[in-house]
Amino acid sequence: EPGETKTSSPPPSSPPPSSPPPPRRPLAVL
């Protein structure tokens, strides 16, 4: 929902991403 952000910590061995992925378009599947 607007104003909320999903967060997850990558495993310690994982290299940092070169650039953050673009946000997905907010969608609803009815």
mmCIF file of all heavy atoms, coordinates in Angstrom:
data_MODEL
# 
_entry.id   MODEL 
# 
loop_
_atom_site.group_PDB 
_atom_site.id 
_atom_site.type_symbol 
_atom_site.label_atom_id 
_atom_site.label_alt_id 
_atom_site.label_comp_id 
_atom_site.label_asym_id 
_atom_site.label_entity_id 
_atom_site.label_seq_id 
_atom_site.pdbx_PDB_ins_code 
_atom_site.Cartn_x 
_atom_site.Cartn_y 
_atom_site.Cartn_z 
_atom_site.occupancy 
_atom_site.B_iso_or_equiv 
_atom_site.pdbx_formal_charge 
_atom_site.auth_seq_id 
_atom_site.auth_comp_id 
_atom_site.auth_asym_id 
_atom_site.auth_atom_id 
_atom_site.pdbx_PDB_model_num 
ATOM 1   N N   . GLU A 1 1  ? 0.844   -1.186  0.000   1.00 0.00 ? 1  GLU A N   1 
ATOM 2   C CA  . GLU A 1 1  ? 0.000   0.000   0.000   1.00 0.00 ? 1  GLU A CA  1 
ATOM 3   C C   . GLU A 1 1  ? 0.877   1.233   0.000   1.00 0.00 ? 1  GLU A C   1 
ATOM 4   O O   . GLU A 1 1  ? 2.028   1.188   0.455   1.00 0.00 ? 1  GLU A O   1 
ATOM 5   C CB  . GLU A 1 1  ? -0.898  0.013   1.240   1.00 0.00 ? 1  GLU A CB  1 
ATOM 6   C CG  . GLU A 1 1  ? -1.965  -1.043  1.228   1.00 0.00 ? 1  GLU A CG  1 
ATOM 7   C CD  . GLU A 1 1  ? -3.023  -0.783  0.176   1.00 0.00 ? 1  GLU A CD  1 
ATOM 8   O OE1 . GLU A 1 1  ? -3.165  0.382   -0.230  1.00 0.00 ? 1  GLU A OE1 1 
ATOM 9   O OE2 . GLU A 1 1  ? -3.672  -1.739  -0.255  1.00 0.00 ? 1  GLU A OE2 1 
ATOM 10  N N   . PRO A 1 2  ? 0.397   2.385   -0.508  1.00 0.00 ? 2  PRO A N   1 
ATOM 11  C CA  . PRO A 1 2  ? 1.185   3.604   -0.515  1.00 0.00 ? 2  PRO A CA  1 
ATOM 12  C C   . PRO A 1 2  ? 1.729   3.913   0.880   1.00 0.00 ? 2  PRO A C   1 
ATOM 13  O O   . PRO A 1 2  ? 1.030   3.836   1.882   1.00 0.00 ? 2  PRO A O   1 
ATOM 14  C CB  . PRO A 1 2  ? 0.176   4.667   -0.971  1.00 0.00 ? 2  PRO A CB  1 
ATOM 15  C CG  . PRO A 1 2  ? -0.812  3.903   -1.767  1.00 0.00 ? 2  PRO A CG  1 
ATOM 16  C CD  . PRO A 1 2  ? -0.922  2.564   -1.105  1.00 0.00 ? 2  PRO A CD  1 
ATOM 17  N N   . GLY A 1 3  ? 3.008   4.263   0.903   1.00 0.00 ? 3  GLY A N   1 
ATOM 18  C CA  . GLY A 1 3  ? 3.631   4.633   2.162   1.00 0.00 ? 3  GLY A CA  1 
ATOM 19  C C   . GLY A 1 3  ? 4.316   3.468   2.855   1.00 0.00 ? 3  GLY A C   1 
ATOM 20  O O   . GLY A 1 3  ? 5.071   3.657   3.800   1.00 0.00 ? 3  GLY A O   1 
ATOM 21  N N   . GLU A 1 4  ? 4.087   2.227   2.399   1.00 0.00 ? 4  GLU A N   1 
ATOM 22  C CA  . GLU A 1 4  ? 4.724   1.060   2.981   1.00 0.00 ? 4  GLU A CA  1 
ATOM 23  C C   . GLU A 1 4  ? 5.799   0.551   2.036   1.00 0.00 ? 4  GLU A C   1 
ATOM 24  O O   . GLU A 1 4  ? 5.715   0.726   0.823   1.00 0.00 ? 4  GLU A O   1 
ATOM 25  C CB  . GLU A 1 4  ? 3.700   -0.049  3.244   1.00 0.00 ? 4  GLU A CB  1 
ATOM 26  C CG  . GLU A 1 4  ? 2.614   0.347   4.231   1.00 0.00 ? 4  GLU A CG  1 
ATOM 27  C CD  . GLU A 1 4  ? 1.636   -0.785  4.436   1.00 0.00 ? 4  GLU A CD  1 
ATOM 28  O OE1 . GLU A 1 4  ? 1.726   -1.791  3.717   1.00 0.00 ? 4  GLU A OE1 1 
ATOM 29  O OE2 . GLU A 1 4  ? 0.774   -0.662  5.306   1.00 0.00 ? 4  GLU A OE2 1 
ATOM 30  N N   . THR A 1 5  ? 6.817   -0.078  2.574   1.00 0.00 ? 5  THR A N   1 
ATOM 31  C CA  . THR A 1 5  ? 7.901   -0.581  1.757   1.00 0.00 ? 5  THR A CA  1 
ATOM 32  C C   . THR A 1 5  ? 8.247   -1.990  2.193   1.00 0.00 ? 5  THR A C   1 
ATOM 33  O O   . THR A 1 5  ? 8.379   -2.260  3.391   1.00 0.00 ? 5  THR A O   1 
ATOM 34  C CB  . THR A 1 5  ? 9.159   0.302   1.881   1.00 0.00 ? 5  THR A CB  1 
ATOM 35  O OG1 . THR A 1 5  ? 8.808   1.644   1.540   1.00 0.00 ? 5  THR A OG1 1 
ATOM 36  C CG2 . THR A 1 5  ? 10.251  -0.190  0.949   1.00 0.00 ? 5  THR A CG2 1 
ATOM 37  N N   . LYS A 1 6  ? 8.372   -2.896  1.257   1.00 0.00 ? 6  LYS A N   1 
ATOM 38  C CA  . LYS A 1 6  ? 8.818   -4.239  1.581   1.00 0.00 ? 6  LYS A CA  1 
ATOM 39  C C   . LYS A 1 6  ? 10.325  -4.211  1.756   1.00 0.00 ? 6  LYS A C   1 
ATOM 40  O O   . LYS A 1 6  ? 11.046  -3.656  0.920   1.00 0.00 ? 6  LYS A O   1 
ATOM 41  C CB  . LYS A 1 6  ? 8.448   -5.216  0.465   1.00 0.00 ? 6  LYS A CB  1 
ATOM 42  C CG  . LYS A 1 6  ? 6.961   -5.518  0.375   1.00 0.00 ? 6  LYS A CG  1 
ATOM 43  C CD  . LYS A 1 6  ? 6.702   -6.538  -0.696  1.00 0.00 ? 6  LYS A CD  1 
ATOM 44  C CE  . LYS A 1 6  ? 5.222   -6.879  -0.813  1.00 0.00 ? 6  LYS A CE  1 
ATOM 45  N NZ  . LYS A 1 6  ? 4.948   -7.849  -1.879  1.00 0.00 ? 6  LYS A NZ  1 
ATOM 46  N N   . THR A 1 7  ? 10.830  -4.805  2.806   1.00 0.00 ? 7  THR A N   1 
ATOM 47  C CA  . THR A 1 7  ? 12.271  -4.835  3.040   1.00 0.00 ? 7  THR A CA  1 
ATOM 48  C C   . THR A 1 7  ? 12.694  -6.251  3.352   1.00 0.00 ? 7  THR A C   1 
ATOM 49  O O   . THR A 1 7  ? 11.986  -7.017  4.001   1.00 0.00 ? 7  THR A O   1 
ATOM 50  C CB  . THR A 1 7  ? 12.668  -3.937  4.232   1.00 0.00 ? 7  THR A CB  1 
ATOM 51  O OG1 . THR A 1 7  ? 11.977  -4.393  5.394   1.00 0.00 ? 7  THR A OG1 1 
ATOM 52  C CG2 . THR A 1 7  ? 12.317  -2.490  3.962   1.00 0.00 ? 7  THR A CG2 1 
ATOM 53  N N   . SER A 1 8  ? 13.868  -6.617  2.889   1.00 0.00 ? 8  SER A N   1 
ATOM 54  C CA  . SER A 1 8  ? 14.448  -7.918  3.195   1.00 0.00 ? 8  SER A CA  1 
ATOM 55  C C   . SER A 1 8  ? 15.952  -7.778  3.146   1.00 0.00 ? 8  SER A C   1 
ATOM 56  O O   . SER A 1 8  ? 16.492  -7.076  2.286   1.00 0.00 ? 8  SER A O   1 
ATOM 57  C CB  . SER A 1 8  ? 13.981  -8.990  2.201   1.00 0.00 ? 8  SER A CB  1 
ATOM 58  O OG  . SER A 1 8  ? 14.349  -8.646  0.892   1.00 0.00 ? 8  SER A OG  1 
ATOM 59  N N   . SER A 1 9  ? 16.641  -8.426  4.050   1.00 0.00 ? 9  SER A N   1 
ATOM 60  C CA  . SER A 1 9  ? 18.094  -8.333  4.111   1.00 0.00 ? 9  SER A CA  1 
ATOM 61  C C   . SER A 1 9  ? 18.707  -9.435  3.277   1.00 0.00 ? 9  SER A C   1 
ATOM 62  O O   . SER A 1 9  ? 18.385  -10.622 3.460   1.00 0.00 ? 9  SER A O   1 
ATOM 63  C CB  . SER A 1 9  ? 18.570  -8.458  5.563   1.00 0.00 ? 9  SER A CB  1 
ATOM 64  O OG  . SER A 1 9  ? 17.998  -7.431  6.345   1.00 0.00 ? 9  SER A OG  1 
ATOM 65  N N   . PRO A 1 10 ? 19.629  -9.100  2.345   1.00 0.00 ? 10 PRO A N   1 
ATOM 66  C CA  . PRO A 1 10 ? 20.259  -10.144 1.536   1.00 0.00 ? 10 PRO A CA  1 
ATOM 67  C C   . PRO A 1 10 ? 21.232  -10.942 2.384   1.00 0.00 ? 10 PRO A C   1 
ATOM 68  O O   . PRO A 1 10 ? 21.711  -10.482 3.416   1.00 0.00 ? 10 PRO A O   1 
ATOM 69  C CB  . PRO A 1 10 ? 20.991  -9.342  0.458   1.00 0.00 ? 10 PRO A CB  1 
ATOM 70  C CG  . PRO A 1 10 ? 21.260  -8.015  1.103   1.00 0.00 ? 10 PRO A CG  1 
ATOM 71  C CD  . PRO A 1 10 ? 20.101  -7.770  2.008   1.00 0.00 ? 10 PRO A CD  1 
ATOM 72  N N   . PRO A 1 11 ? 21.525  -12.165 1.982   1.00 0.00 ? 11 PRO A N   1 
ATOM 73  C CA  . PRO A 1 11 ? 22.524  -12.959 2.707   1.00 0.00 ? 11 PRO A CA  1 
ATOM 74  C C   . PRO A 1 11 ? 23.853  -12.216 2.740   1.00 0.00 ? 11 PRO A C   1 
ATOM 75  O O   . PRO A 1 11 ? 24.183  -11.474 1.822   1.00 0.00 ? 11 PRO A O   1 
ATOM 76  C CB  . PRO A 1 11 ? 22.610  -14.253 1.878   1.00 0.00 ? 11 PRO A CB  1 
ATOM 77  C CG  . PRO A 1 11 ? 21.331  -14.305 1.107   1.00 0.00 ? 11 PRO A CG  1 
ATOM 78  C CD  . PRO A 1 11 ? 20.945  -12.894 0.853   1.00 0.00 ? 11 PRO A CD  1 
ATOM 79  N N   . PRO A 1 12 ? 24.643  -12.407 3.812   1.00 0.00 ? 12 PRO A N   1 
ATOM 80  C CA  . PRO A 1 12 ? 25.915  -11.687 3.927   1.00 0.00 ? 12 PRO A CA  1 
ATOM 81  C C   . PRO A 1 12 ? 26.839  -11.891 2.743   1.00 0.00 ? 12 PRO A C   1 
ATOM 82  O O   . PRO A 1 12 ? 27.628  -11.020 2.405   1.00 0.00 ? 12 PRO A O   1 
ATOM 83  C CB  . PRO A 1 12 ? 26.520  -12.280 5.213   1.00 0.00 ? 12 PRO A CB  1 
ATOM 84  C CG  . PRO A 1 12 ? 25.356  -12.785 5.989   1.00 0.00 ? 12 PRO A CG  1 
ATOM 85  C CD  . PRO A 1 12 ? 24.373  -13.251 4.975   1.00 0.00 ? 12 PRO A CD  1 
ATOM 86  N N   . SER A 1 13 ? 26.774  -13.051 2.104   1.00 0.00 ? 13 SER A N   1 
ATOM 87  C CA  . SER A 1 13 ? 27.672  -13.329 0.989   1.00 0.00 ? 13 SER A CA  1 
ATOM 88  C C   . SER A 1 13 ? 27.215  -12.709 -0.317  1.00 0.00 ? 13 SER A C   1 
ATOM 89  O O   . SER A 1 13 ? 27.940  -12.731 -1.305  1.00 0.00 ? 13 SER A O   1 
ATOM 90  C CB  . SER A 1 13 ? 27.813  -14.841 0.805   1.00 0.00 ? 13 SER A CB  1 
ATOM 91  O OG  . SER A 1 13 ? 26.538  -15.429 0.566   1.00 0.00 ? 13 SER A OG  1 
ATOM 92  N N   . SER A 1 14 ? 26.030  -12.172 -0.335  1.00 0.00 ? 14 SER A N   1 
ATOM 93  C CA  . SER A 1 14 ? 25.498  -11.631 -1.580  1.00 0.00 ? 14 SER A CA  1 
ATOM 94  C C   . SER A 1 14 ? 26.137  -10.288 -1.891  1.00 0.00 ? 14 SER A C   1 
ATOM 95  O O   . SER A 1 14 ? 26.197  -9.414  -1.016  1.00 0.00 ? 14 SER A O   1 
ATOM 96  C CB  . SER A 1 14 ? 23.987  -11.465 -1.495  1.00 0.00 ? 14 SER A CB  1 
ATOM 97  O OG  . SER A 1 14 ? 23.382  -12.715 -1.283  1.00 0.00 ? 14 SER A OG  1 
ATOM 98  N N   . PRO A 1 15 ? 26.601  -10.061 -3.121  1.00 0.00 ? 15 PRO A N   1 
ATOM 99  C CA  . PRO A 1 15 ? 27.167  -8.758  -3.469  1.00 0.00 ? 15 PRO A CA  1 
ATOM 100 C C   . PRO A 1 15 ? 26.051  -7.729  -3.580  1.00 0.00 ? 15 PRO A C   1 
ATOM 101 O O   . PRO A 1 15 ? 24.916  -8.063  -3.904  1.00 0.00 ? 15 PRO A O   1 
ATOM 102 C CB  . PRO A 1 15 ? 27.820  -9.026  -4.829  1.00 0.00 ? 15 PRO A CB  1 
ATOM 103 C CG  . PRO A 1 15 ? 27.024  -10.161 -5.405  1.00 0.00 ? 15 PRO A CG  1 
ATOM 104 C CD  . PRO A 1 15 ? 26.651  -11.017 -4.224  1.00 0.00 ? 15 PRO A CD  1 
ATOM 105 N N   . PRO A 1 16 ? 26.355  -6.454  -3.284  1.00 0.00 ? 16 PRO A N   1 
ATOM 106 C CA  . PRO A 1 16 ? 25.335  -5.420  -3.401  1.00 0.00 ? 16 PRO A CA  1 
ATOM 107 C C   . PRO A 1 16 ? 24.920  -5.252  -4.854  1.00 0.00 ? 16 PRO A C   1 
ATOM 108 O O   . PRO A 1 16 ? 25.745  -5.390  -5.763  1.00 0.00 ? 16 PRO A O   1 
ATOM 109 C CB  . PRO A 1 16 ? 26.040  -4.168  -2.866  1.00 0.00 ? 16 PRO A CB  1 
ATOM 110 C CG  . PRO A 1 16 ? 27.489  -4.437  -3.080  1.00 0.00 ? 16 PRO A CG  1 
ATOM 111 C CD  . PRO A 1 16 ? 27.664  -5.911  -2.885  1.00 0.00 ? 16 PRO A CD  1 
ATOM 112 N N   . PRO A 1 17 ? 23.676  -4.993  -5.106  1.00 0.00 ? 17 PRO A N   1 
ATOM 113 C CA  . PRO A 1 17 ? 23.233  -4.794  -6.496  1.00 0.00 ? 17 PRO A CA  1 
ATOM 114 C C   . PRO A 1 17 ? 23.884  -3.549  -7.081  1.00 0.00 ? 17 PRO A C   1 
ATOM 115 O O   . PRO A 1 17 ? 24.144  -2.568  -6.384  1.00 0.00 ? 17 PRO A O   1 
ATOM 116 C CB  . PRO A 1 17 ? 21.720  -4.625  -6.367  1.00 0.00 ? 17 PRO A CB  1 
ATOM 117 C CG  . PRO A 1 17 ? 21.505  -4.168  -4.957  1.00 0.00 ? 17 PRO A CG  1 
ATOM 118 C CD  . PRO A 1 17 ? 22.587  -4.812  -4.145  1.00 0.00 ? 17 PRO A CD  1 
ATOM 119 N N   . SER A 1 18 ? 24.135  -3.611  -8.389  1.00 0.00 ? 18 SER A N   1 
ATOM 120 C CA  . SER A 1 18 ? 24.774  -2.472  -9.055  1.00 0.00 ? 18 SER A CA  1 
ATOM 121 C C   . SER A 1 18 ? 23.872  -1.252  -9.047  1.00 0.00 ? 18 SER A C   1 
ATOM 122 O O   . SER A 1 18 ? 24.328  -0.116  -8.970  1.00 0.00 ? 18 SER A O   1 
ATOM 123 C CB  . SER A 1 18 ? 25.145  -2.848  -10.494 1.00 0.00 ? 18 SER A CB  1 
ATOM 124 O OG  . SER A 1 18 ? 23.978  -3.304  -11.187 1.00 0.00 ? 18 SER A OG  1 
ATOM 125 N N   . SER A 1 19 ? 22.582  -1.466  -9.139  1.00 0.00 ? 19 SER A N   1 
ATOM 126 C CA  . SER A 1 19 ? 21.616  -0.365  -9.079  1.00 0.00 ? 19 SER A CA  1 
ATOM 127 C C   . SER A 1 19 ? 20.288  -0.940  -8.625  1.00 0.00 ? 19 SER A C   1 
ATOM 128 O O   . SER A 1 19 ? 19.975  -2.091  -8.928  1.00 0.00 ? 19 SER A O   1 
ATOM 129 C CB  . SER A 1 19 ? 21.458  0.310   -10.450 1.00 0.00 ? 19 SER A CB  1 
ATOM 130 O OG  . SER A 1 19 ? 20.993  -0.615  -11.406 1.00 0.00 ? 19 SER A OG  1 
ATOM 131 N N   . PRO A 1 20 ? 19.504  -0.157  -7.877  1.00 0.00 ? 20 PRO A N   1 
ATOM 132 C CA  . PRO A 1 20 ? 18.216  -0.683  -7.406  1.00 0.00 ? 20 PRO A CA  1 
ATOM 133 C C   . PRO A 1 20 ? 17.273  -0.918  -8.574  1.00 0.00 ? 20 PRO A C   1 
ATOM 134 O O   . PRO A 1 20 ? 17.274  -0.156  -9.556  1.00 0.00 ? 20 PRO A O   1 
ATOM 135 C CB  . PRO A 1 20 ? 17.704  0.432   -6.488  1.00 0.00 ? 20 PRO A CB  1 
ATOM 136 C CG  . PRO A 1 20 ? 18.386  1.664   -6.973  1.00 0.00 ? 20 PRO A CG  1 
ATOM 137 C CD  . PRO A 1 20 ? 19.732  1.225   -7.452  1.00 0.00 ? 20 PRO A CD  1 
ATOM 138 N N   . PRO A 1 21 ? 16.480  -1.983  -8.508  1.00 0.00 ? 21 PRO A N   1 
ATOM 139 C CA  . PRO A 1 21 ? 15.522  -2.234  -9.594  1.00 0.00 ? 21 PRO A CA  1 
ATOM 140 C C   . PRO A 1 21 ? 14.451  -1.153  -9.610  1.00 0.00 ? 21 PRO A C   1 
ATOM 141 O O   . PRO A 1 21 ? 14.118  -0.583  -8.571  1.00 0.00 ? 21 PRO A O   1 
ATOM 142 C CB  . PRO A 1 21 ? 14.922  -3.597  -9.235  1.00 0.00 ? 21 PRO A CB  1 
ATOM 143 C CG  . PRO A 1 21 ? 15.072  -3.688  -7.745  1.00 0.00 ? 21 PRO A CG  1 
ATOM 144 C CD  . PRO A 1 21 ? 16.361  -2.966  -7.430  1.00 0.00 ? 21 PRO A CD  1 
ATOM 145 N N   . PRO A 1 22 ? 13.919  -0.850  -10.780 1.00 0.00 ? 22 PRO A N   1 
ATOM 146 C CA  . PRO A 1 22 ? 12.860  0.156   -10.839 1.00 0.00 ? 22 PRO A CA  1 
ATOM 147 C C   . PRO A 1 22 ? 11.620  -0.341  -10.111 1.00 0.00 ? 22 PRO A C   1 
ATOM 148 O O   . PRO A 1 22 ? 11.361  -1.547  -10.072 1.00 0.00 ? 22 PRO A O   1 
ATOM 149 C CB  . PRO A 1 22 ? 12.585  0.298   -12.346 1.00 0.00 ? 22 PRO A CB  1 
ATOM 150 C CG  . PRO A 1 22 ? 13.026  -1.005  -12.929 1.00 0.00 ? 22 PRO A CG  1 
ATOM 151 C CD  . PRO A 1 22 ? 14.194  -1.443  -12.089 1.00 0.00 ? 22 PRO A CD  1 
ATOM 152 N N   . PRO A 1 23 ? 10.848  0.551   -9.511  1.00 0.00 ? 23 PRO A N   1 
ATOM 153 C CA  . PRO A 1 23 ? 9.638   0.117   -8.800  1.00 0.00 ? 23 PRO A CA  1 
ATOM 154 C C   . PRO A 1 23 ? 8.635   -0.486  -9.767  1.00 0.00 ? 23 PRO A C   1 
ATOM 155 O O   . PRO A 1 23 ? 8.494   -0.028  -10.898 1.00 0.00 ? 23 PRO A O   1 
ATOM 156 C CB  . PRO A 1 23 ? 9.108   1.416   -8.185  1.00 0.00 ? 23 PRO A CB  1 
ATOM 157 C CG  . PRO A 1 23 ? 9.673   2.507   -9.050  1.00 0.00 ? 23 PRO A CG  1 
ATOM 158 C CD  . PRO A 1 23 ? 11.012  2.008   -9.492  1.00 0.00 ? 23 PRO A CD  1 
ATOM 159 N N   . ARG A 1 24 ? 7.968   -1.543  -9.306  1.00 0.00 ? 24 ARG A N   1 
ATOM 160 C CA  . ARG A 1 24 ? 6.924   -2.131  -10.130 1.00 0.00 ? 24 ARG A CA  1 
ATOM 161 C C   . ARG A 1 24 ? 5.703   -1.229  -10.128 1.00 0.00 ? 24 ARG A C   1 
ATOM 162 O O   . ARG A 1 24 ? 5.394   -0.563  -9.141  1.00 0.00 ? 24 ARG A O   1 
ATOM 163 C CB  . ARG A 1 24 ? 6.529   -3.510  -9.592  1.00 0.00 ? 24 ARG A CB  1 
ATOM 164 C CG  . ARG A 1 24 ? 7.620   -4.542  -9.693  1.00 0.00 ? 24 ARG A CG  1 
ATOM 165 C CD  . ARG A 1 24 ? 7.071   -5.932  -9.525  1.00 0.00 ? 24 ARG A CD  1 
ATOM 166 N NE  . ARG A 1 24 ? 6.357   -6.111  -8.282  1.00 0.00 ? 24 ARG A NE  1 
ATOM 167 C CZ  . ARG A 1 24 ? 5.712   -7.236  -7.961  1.00 0.00 ? 24 ARG A CZ  1 
ATOM 168 N NH1 . ARG A 1 24 ? 5.683   -8.241  -8.792  1.00 0.00 ? 24 ARG A NH1 1 
ATOM 169 N NH2 . ARG A 1 24 ? 5.078   -7.337  -6.802  1.00 0.00 ? 24 ARG A NH2 1 
ATOM 170 N N   . ARG A 1 25 ? 5.025   -1.213  -11.247 1.00 0.00 ? 25 ARG A N   1 
ATOM 171 C CA  . ARG A 1 25 ? 3.791   -0.432  -11.315 1.00 0.00 ? 25 ARG A CA  1 
ATOM 172 C C   . ARG A 1 25 ? 2.765   -1.036  -10.360 1.00 0.00 ? 25 ARG A C   1 
ATOM 173 O O   . ARG A 1 25 ? 2.533   -2.246  -10.388 1.00 0.00 ? 25 ARG A O   1 
ATOM 174 C CB  . ARG A 1 25 ? 3.259   -0.449  -12.741 1.00 0.00 ? 25 ARG A CB  1 
ATOM 175 C CG  . ARG A 1 25 ? 1.930   0.272   -12.917 1.00 0.00 ? 25 ARG A CG  1 
ATOM 176 C CD  . ARG A 1 25 ? 1.448   0.209   -14.347 1.00 0.00 ? 25 ARG A CD  1 
ATOM 177 N NE  . ARG A 1 25 ? 2.336   0.900   -15.254 1.00 0.00 ? 25 ARG A NE  1 
ATOM 178 C CZ  . ARG A 1 25 ? 2.106   1.009   -16.565 1.00 0.00 ? 25 ARG A CZ  1 
ATOM 179 N NH1 . ARG A 1 25 ? 1.037   0.469   -17.086 1.00 0.00 ? 25 ARG A NH1 1 
ATOM 180 N NH2 . ARG A 1 25 ? 2.966   1.649   -17.328 1.00 0.00 ? 25 ARG A NH2 1 
ATOM 181 N N   . PRO A 1 26 ? 2.147   -0.228  -9.489  1.00 0.00 ? 26 PRO A N   1 
ATOM 182 C CA  . PRO A 1 26 ? 1.131   -0.781  -8.576  1.00 0.00 ? 26 PRO A CA  1 
ATOM 183 C C   . PRO A 1 26 ? -0.068  -1.300  -9.371  1.00 0.00 ? 26 PRO A C   1 
ATOM 184 O O   . PRO A 1 26 ? -0.705  -0.545  -10.107 1.00 0.00 ? 26 PRO A O   1 
ATOM 185 C CB  . PRO A 1 26 ? 0.749   0.421   -7.704  1.00 0.00 ? 26 PRO A CB  1 
ATOM 186 C CG  . PRO A 1 26 ? 1.863   1.398   -7.867  1.00 0.00 ? 26 PRO A CG  1 
ATOM 187 C CD  . PRO A 1 26 ? 2.378   1.198   -9.256  1.00 0.00 ? 26 PRO A CD  1 
ATOM 188 N N   . LEU A 1 27 ? -0.344  -2.591  -9.211  1.00 0.00 ? 27 LEU A N   1 
ATOM 189 C CA  . LEU A 1 27 ? -1.401  -3.230  -9.994  1.00 0.00 ? 27 LEU A CA  1 
ATOM 190 C C   . LEU A 1 27 ? -2.378  -3.960  -9.094  1.00 0.00 ? 27 LEU A C   1 
ATOM 191 O O   . LEU A 1 27 ? -2.077  -4.319  -7.958  1.00 0.00 ? 27 LEU A O   1 
ATOM 192 C CB  . LEU A 1 27 ? -0.800  -4.225  -10.989 1.00 0.00 ? 27 LEU A CB  1 
ATOM 193 C CG  . LEU A 1 27 ? 0.180   -3.700  -12.041 1.00 0.00 ? 27 LEU A CG  1 
ATOM 194 C CD1 . LEU A 1 27 ? 0.749   -4.859  -12.837 1.00 0.00 ? 27 LEU A CD1 1 
ATOM 195 C CD2 . LEU A 1 27 ? -0.500  -2.701  -12.953 1.00 0.00 ? 27 LEU A CD2 1 
ATOM 196 N N   . ALA A 1 28 ? -3.552  -4.185  -9.638  1.00 0.00 ? 28 ALA A N   1 
ATOM 197 C CA  . ALA A 1 28 ? -4.563  -5.022  -8.995  1.00 0.00 ? 28 ALA A CA  1 
ATOM 198 C C   . ALA A 1 28 ? -5.059  -6.026  -10.024 1.00 0.00 ? 28 ALA A C   1 
ATOM 199 O O   . ALA A 1 28 ? -5.443  -5.649  -11.136 1.00 0.00 ? 28 ALA A O   1 
ATOM 200 C CB  . ALA A 1 28 ? -5.716  -4.183  -8.466  1.00 0.00 ? 28 ALA A CB  1 
ATOM 201 N N   . VAL A 1 29 ? -5.024  -7.297  -9.664  1.00 0.00 ? 29 VAL A N   1 
ATOM 202 C CA  . VAL A 1 29 ? -5.544  -8.359  -10.524 1.00 0.00 ? 29 VAL A CA  1 
ATOM 203 C C   . VAL A 1 29 ? -6.893  -8.776  -9.960  1.00 0.00 ? 29 VAL A C   1 
ATOM 204 O O   . VAL A 1 29 ? -6.980  -9.329  -8.860  1.00 0.00 ? 29 VAL A O   1 
ATOM 205 C CB  . VAL A 1 29 ? -4.583  -9.556  -10.582 1.00 0.00 ? 29 VAL A CB  1 
ATOM 206 C CG1 . VAL A 1 29 ? -5.177  -10.667 -11.456 1.00 0.00 ? 29 VAL A CG1 1 
ATOM 207 C CG2 . VAL A 1 29 ? -3.219  -9.121  -11.115 1.00 0.00 ? 29 VAL A CG2 1 
ATOM 208 N N   . LEU A 1 30 ? -7.964  -8.490  -10.709 1.00 0.00 ? 30 LEU A N   1 
ATOM 209 C CA  . LEU A 1 30 ? -9.326  -8.786  -10.263 1.00 0.00 ? 30 LEU A CA  1 
ATOM 210 C C   . LEU A 1 30 ? -9.831  -10.048 -10.944 1.00 0.00 ? 30 LEU A C   1 
ATOM 211 O O   . LEU A 1 30 ? -9.898  -10.112 -12.176 1.00 0.00 ? 30 LEU A O   1 
ATOM 212 C CB  . LEU A 1 30 ? -10.271 -7.625  -10.583 1.00 0.00 ? 30 LEU A CB  1 
ATOM 213 C CG  . LEU A 1 30 ? -10.365 -6.476  -9.567  1.00 0.00 ? 30 LEU A CG  1 
ATOM 214 C CD1 . LEU A 1 30 ? -9.026  -5.757  -9.464  1.00 0.00 ? 30 LEU A CD1 1 
ATOM 215 C CD2 . LEU A 1 30 ? -11.444 -5.504  -9.972  1.00 0.00 ? 30 LEU A CD2 1 
# 
